[in-house]
Amino acid sequence: MEKILNLSMLGSKLKALKKEGVIKPSLVSRKSGRSRDILHRMENGQDVSVSALLDILNAAGLAIRIVPKGFPTQAEAQALLAESDDEYESFEVNNIKQ
């Protein structure tokens, strides 16, 4: 799991997720009640409101996790990896069922 430290990094991640088909702009727009322009602005690293960010991420099935900025301890890294594996398996199962 990578840390997003600024708007540019967030925009790059959103673009990559869109390219991978994880984010479908028209569906996210409809589910979030936000215009596609908001997602476009986010992809370009432009500032949007926190509520718009949360609405878009929620509609895309994504979330924000607040973590310390520095490097994790070994125990924290192992816990994150174990948790990440669980989320990945859940993601795979949920996508296969659809």
Protein backbone atom coordinates (compact mmCIF):
# COMPACT_ATOMS: atom_id res chain seq x y z
CA MET A 1 0.00 0.00 0.00
CA GLU A 2 1.52 3.28 -1.06
CA LYS A 3 1.24 6.54 0.81
CA ILE A 4 -0.29 9.49 -1.00
CA LEU A 5 1.49 12.60 0.23
CA ASN A 6 0.15 15.31 -2.08
CA LEU A 7 -2.51 16.12 -4.67
CA SER A 8 -0.24 15.19 -7.57
CA MET A 9 0.32 11.71 -6.16
CA LEU A 10 -3.43 11.33 -5.58
CA GLY A 11 -4.10 12.37 -9.17
CA SER A 12 -1.57 9.88 -10.53
CA LYS A 13 -3.09 7.08 -8.45
CA LEU A 14 -6.61 7.92 -9.61
CA LYS A 15 -5.50 7.98 -13.25
CA ALA A 16 -3.84 4.58 -12.83
CA LEU A 17 -6.98 3.14 -11.22
CA LYS A 18 -9.07 4.51 -14.07
CA LYS A 19 -6.72 2.99 -16.64
CA GLU A 20 -6.94 -0.36 -14.81
CA GLY A 21 -10.74 -0.16 -14.93
CA VAL A 22 -11.14 0.10 -11.16
CA ILE A 23 -12.64 3.57 -11.49
CA LYS A 24 -15.31 4.16 -14.12
CA PRO A 25 -15.91 7.94 -14.25
CA SER A 26 -19.58 7.88 -15.30
CA LEU A 27 -20.46 5.29 -12.62
CA VAL A 28 -18.48 7.10 -9.91
CA SER A 29 -20.12 10.38 -10.88
CA ARG A 30 -23.60 8.87 -10.73
CA LYS A 31 -23.01 7.04 -7.43
CA SER A 32 -21.33 10.01 -5.75
CA GLY A 33 -23.72 12.66 -6.99
CA ARG A 34 -20.67 14.65 -8.11
CA SER A 35 -19.82 15.85 -11.60
CA ARG A 36 -17.19 14.09 -13.69
CA ASP A 37 -15.34 17.40 -13.59
CA ILE A 38 -14.56 16.83 -9.89
CA LEU A 39 -12.89 13.50 -10.70
CA HIS A 40 -11.06 15.13 -13.61
CA ARG A 41 -9.78 17.90 -11.32
CA MET A 42 -8.64 15.30 -8.78
CA GLU A 43 -6.80 13.35 -11.51
CA ASN A 44 -4.98 16.55 -12.47
CA GLY A 45 -3.86 17.22 -8.89
CA GLN A 46 -6.18 20.17 -8.43
CA ASP A 47 -7.72 21.07 -5.10
CA VAL A 48 -11.24 19.85 -4.33
CA SER A 49 -13.25 19.92 -1.12
CA VAL A 50 -12.77 17.17 1.43
CA SER A 51 -16.42 16.20 1.08
CA ALA A 52 -16.02 15.86 -2.71
CA LEU A 53 -12.90 13.73 -2.22
CA LEU A 54 -14.70 11.45 0.23
CA ASP A 55 -17.80 11.18 -1.98
CA ILE A 56 -15.72 10.22 -5.03
CA LEU A 57 -13.58 7.70 -3.16
CA ASN A 58 -16.62 6.14 -1.49
CA ALA A 59 -18.43 5.82 -4.82
CA ALA A 60 -15.32 4.17 -6.30
CA GLY A 61 -15.14 1.69 -3.41
CA LEU A 62 -11.99 3.32 -2.02
CA ALA A 63 -11.17 4.85 1.37
CA ILE A 64 -8.60 6.98 3.11
CA ARG A 65 -6.48 5.46 5.84
CA ILE A 66 -4.66 7.81 8.22
CA VAL A 67 -1.16 6.49 8.94
CA PRO A 68 2.07 7.97 10.28
CA LYS A 69 4.12 9.66 7.56
CA GLY A 70 7.41 7.89 8.37
CA PHE A 71 8.41 4.31 7.67
CA PRO A 72 6.46 1.62 9.52
CA THR A 73 8.08 -0.64 12.08
CA GLN A 74 8.60 -4.25 11.05
CA ALA A 75 5.55 -5.30 13.08
CA GLU A 76 3.42 -2.57 11.46
CA ALA A 77 4.62 -3.60 7.99
CA GLN A 78 3.76 -7.25 8.65
CA ALA A 79 0.32 -6.27 9.94
CA LEU A 80 -0.28 -4.07 6.89
CA LEU A 81 0.80 -6.85 4.53
CA ALA A 82 -1.48 -9.35 6.23
CA GLU A 83 -4.36 -6.89 6.11
CA SER A 84 -3.57 -6.01 2.51
CA ASP A 85 -3.73 -9.68 1.53
CA ASP A 86 -7.17 -9.96 3.14
CA GLU A 87 -8.39 -6.86 1.29
CA TYR A 88 -7.01 -8.17 -2.00
CA GLU A 89 -8.76 -11.52 -1.58
CA SER A 90 -11.99 -9.72 -0.73
CA PHE A 91 -11.55 -7.46 -3.75
CA GLU A 92 -11.01 -10.44 -6.05
CA VAL A 93 -14.05 -12.30 -4.71
CA ASN A 94 -16.28 -9.24 -4.93
CA ASN A 95 -15.22 -8.51 -8.51
CA ILE A 96 -15.68 -12.12 -9.64
CA LYS A 97 -19.22 -12.21 -8.27
CA GLN A 98 -20.18 -9.14 -10.28
